[in-house]
Amino acid sequence: MENTGKIPATEQSVWAAIEATGEQLKETDKLLKETIAASEKRSVELSSKIDKLHEMIGGVSNSNGMAAEEFFNRLPSFRALHPEYKTYRIYLGLAAMAFDYGVEKEAEKDGIAVVKQVGNTFVIHDENMTVF
């Protein structure tokens, strides 16, 4: 048998398969890197959206505090836009399952009734309630 320096057909097919596998691995690595990059980008976007949502909602007491402040800012406009209600007495109450200490005290100081859960009951603090 003469040695022509060629790799036998079976060895050639093995090397070809190894080379093909290497190319497939390179393509898989490329796709994996693209997927990871897209995932990381999406994660950053979602994190940003969650932060914005947290800021908007912020928890029950934060939301209630902002709502009360918004009410006070709108009351003069409401009366100007709806003169038929200008003689009505307006009472304001703020209710939540829990409050930050400062929000509750500020509401009471401003004449807003506070309704909150204490154990299995609701307690109403309306001693300082003001007519607006």
Protein backbone atom coordinates (compact mmCIF):
# COMPACT_ATOMS: atom_id res chain seq x y z
CA MET A 1 0.00 0.00 0.00
CA GLU A 2 1.40 3.30 -1.03
CA ASN A 3 1.31 6.30 1.32
CA THR A 4 0.16 9.32 -0.68
CA GLY A 5 0.19 11.66 2.34
CA LYS A 6 -3.56 11.92 2.26
CA ILE A 7 -5.70 11.34 5.30
CA PRO A 8 -7.86 8.25 4.93
CA ALA A 9 -11.50 8.96 4.15
CA THR A 10 -12.67 8.01 7.64
CA GLU A 11 -10.21 10.40 9.28
CA GLN A 12 -11.12 13.12 6.79
CA SER A 13 -14.78 12.77 7.66
CA VAL A 14 -13.96 12.98 11.38
CA TRP A 15 -11.91 16.16 10.88
CA ALA A 16 -14.64 17.63 8.69
CA ALA A 17 -17.19 16.91 11.40
CA ILE A 18 -14.93 18.52 14.02
CA GLU A 19 -14.50 21.62 11.86
CA ALA A 20 -18.25 21.80 11.24
CA THR A 21 -18.87 21.47 14.97
CA GLY A 22 -16.40 24.29 15.63
CA GLU A 23 -18.25 26.53 13.17
CA GLN A 24 -21.57 25.62 14.78
CA LEU A 25 -20.14 26.45 18.21
CA LYS A 26 -18.96 29.83 16.93
CA GLU A 27 -22.45 30.56 15.60
CA THR A 28 -24.03 29.37 18.87
CA ASP A 29 -21.65 31.61 20.86
CA LYS A 30 -22.56 34.56 18.65
CA LEU A 31 -26.30 33.95 19.11
CA LEU A 32 -25.85 33.44 22.87
CA LYS A 33 -23.95 36.74 23.18
CA GLU A 34 -26.70 38.52 21.23
CA THR A 35 -29.37 36.94 23.44
CA ILE A 36 -27.52 37.92 26.63
CA ALA A 37 -27.06 41.49 25.37
CA ALA A 38 -30.76 41.74 24.49
CA SER A 39 -31.68 40.28 27.89
CA GLU A 40 -29.46 42.75 29.73
CA LYS A 41 -30.96 45.65 27.74
CA ARG A 42 -34.48 44.44 28.53
CA SER A 43 -33.56 44.04 32.19
CA VAL A 44 -32.37 47.66 32.34
CA GLU A 45 -35.57 48.83 30.63
CA LEU A 46 -37.75 46.84 33.03
CA SER A 47 -35.78 48.07 36.03
CA SER A 48 -36.33 51.64 34.87
CA LYS A 49 -40.05 51.01 34.43
CA ILE A 50 -40.28 49.42 37.88
CA ASP A 51 -38.49 52.43 39.40
CA LYS A 52 -40.94 54.78 37.68
CA LEU A 53 -43.90 52.69 38.84
CA HIS A 54 -42.56 52.66 42.38
CA GLU A 55 -42.17 56.43 42.25
CA MET A 56 -45.71 56.87 40.91
CA ILE A 57 -47.32 54.48 43.39
CA GLY A 58 -44.73 54.70 46.12
CA GLY A 59 -46.80 52.88 48.67
CA VAL A 60 -50.24 53.57 50.04
CA SER A 61 -49.30 56.41 52.33
CA ASN A 62 -47.18 58.21 49.75
CA SER A 63 -49.96 57.98 47.20
CA ASN A 64 -52.53 59.26 49.68
CA GLY A 65 -50.31 62.15 50.66
CA MET A 66 -49.86 63.14 47.03
CA ALA A 67 -53.60 62.77 46.40
CA ALA A 68 -54.42 65.04 49.35
CA GLU A 69 -51.94 67.65 48.15
CA GLU A 70 -53.37 67.45 44.64
CA PHE A 71 -56.88 67.94 46.06
CA PHE A 72 -55.87 71.14 47.83
CA ASN A 73 -54.29 72.44 44.63
CA ARG A 74 -57.46 71.70 42.67
CA LEU A 75 -60.10 72.90 45.14
CA PRO A 76 -59.96 76.60 44.14
CA SER A 77 -60.05 75.61 40.46
CA PHE A 78 -62.96 73.27 41.07
CA ARG A 79 -65.00 76.00 42.74
CA ALA A 80 -64.17 78.48 39.95
CA LEU A 81 -65.09 75.99 37.22
CA HIS A 82 -68.23 74.75 38.99
CA PRO A 83 -69.85 77.77 40.64
CA GLU A 84 -72.94 75.72 41.42
CA TYR A 85 -70.88 74.00 44.15
CA LYS A 86 -69.30 77.11 45.64
CA THR A 87 -71.70 77.14 48.60
CA TYR A 88 -71.22 73.44 49.34
CA ARG A 89 -69.18 72.44 52.38
CA ILE A 90 -66.39 70.02 51.51
CA TYR A 91 -64.98 67.56 54.01
CA LEU A 92 -61.84 65.68 53.20
CA GLY A 93 -60.85 62.26 54.53
CA LEU A 94 -57.81 60.15 53.86
CA ALA A 95 -58.11 56.38 54.26
CA ALA A 96 -55.46 53.68 54.06
CA MET A 97 -54.45 50.39 55.58
CA ALA A 98 -51.25 52.05 56.82
CA PHE A 99 -49.72 55.53 56.83
CA ASP A 100 -46.27 56.93 57.22
CA TYR A 101 -46.27 58.71 60.56
CA GLY A 102 -45.65 62.11 59.01
CA VAL A 103 -48.46 61.82 56.46
CA GLU A 104 -51.04 60.95 59.10
CA LYS A 105 -49.98 63.78 61.41
CA GLU A 106 -49.82 66.29 58.56
CA ALA A 107 -53.32 65.34 57.38
CA GLU A 108 -54.75 65.72 60.89
CA LYS A 109 -52.95 69.07 61.28
CA ASP A 110 -54.47 70.25 57.98
CA GLY A 111 -57.98 69.34 59.09
CA ILE A 112 -58.29 66.14 57.10
CA ALA A 113 -60.03 63.18 58.71
CA VAL A 114 -57.87 60.05 58.81
CA VAL A 115 -59.31 56.55 58.53
CA LYS A 116 -56.89 53.70 59.17
CA GLN A 117 -56.86 50.06 60.09
CA VAL A 118 -55.92 49.12 63.65
CA GLY A 119 -56.01 45.37 64.12
CA ASN A 120 -59.29 44.07 62.70
CA THR A 121 -61.12 47.40 62.90
CA PHE A 122 -60.96 50.82 61.30
CA VAL A 123 -60.36 53.91 63.39
CA ILE A 124 -61.52 57.38 62.35
CA HIS A 125 -59.62 60.44 63.56
CA ASP A 126 -61.86 63.39 62.76
CA GLU A 127 -61.38 65.58 65.83
CA ASN A 128 -59.66 68.32 63.81
CA MET A 129 -61.67 67.92 60.61
CA THR A 130 -62.14 71.22 58.78
CA VAL A 131 -64.80 72.35 56.33
CA PHE A 132 -63.18 73.41 53.06
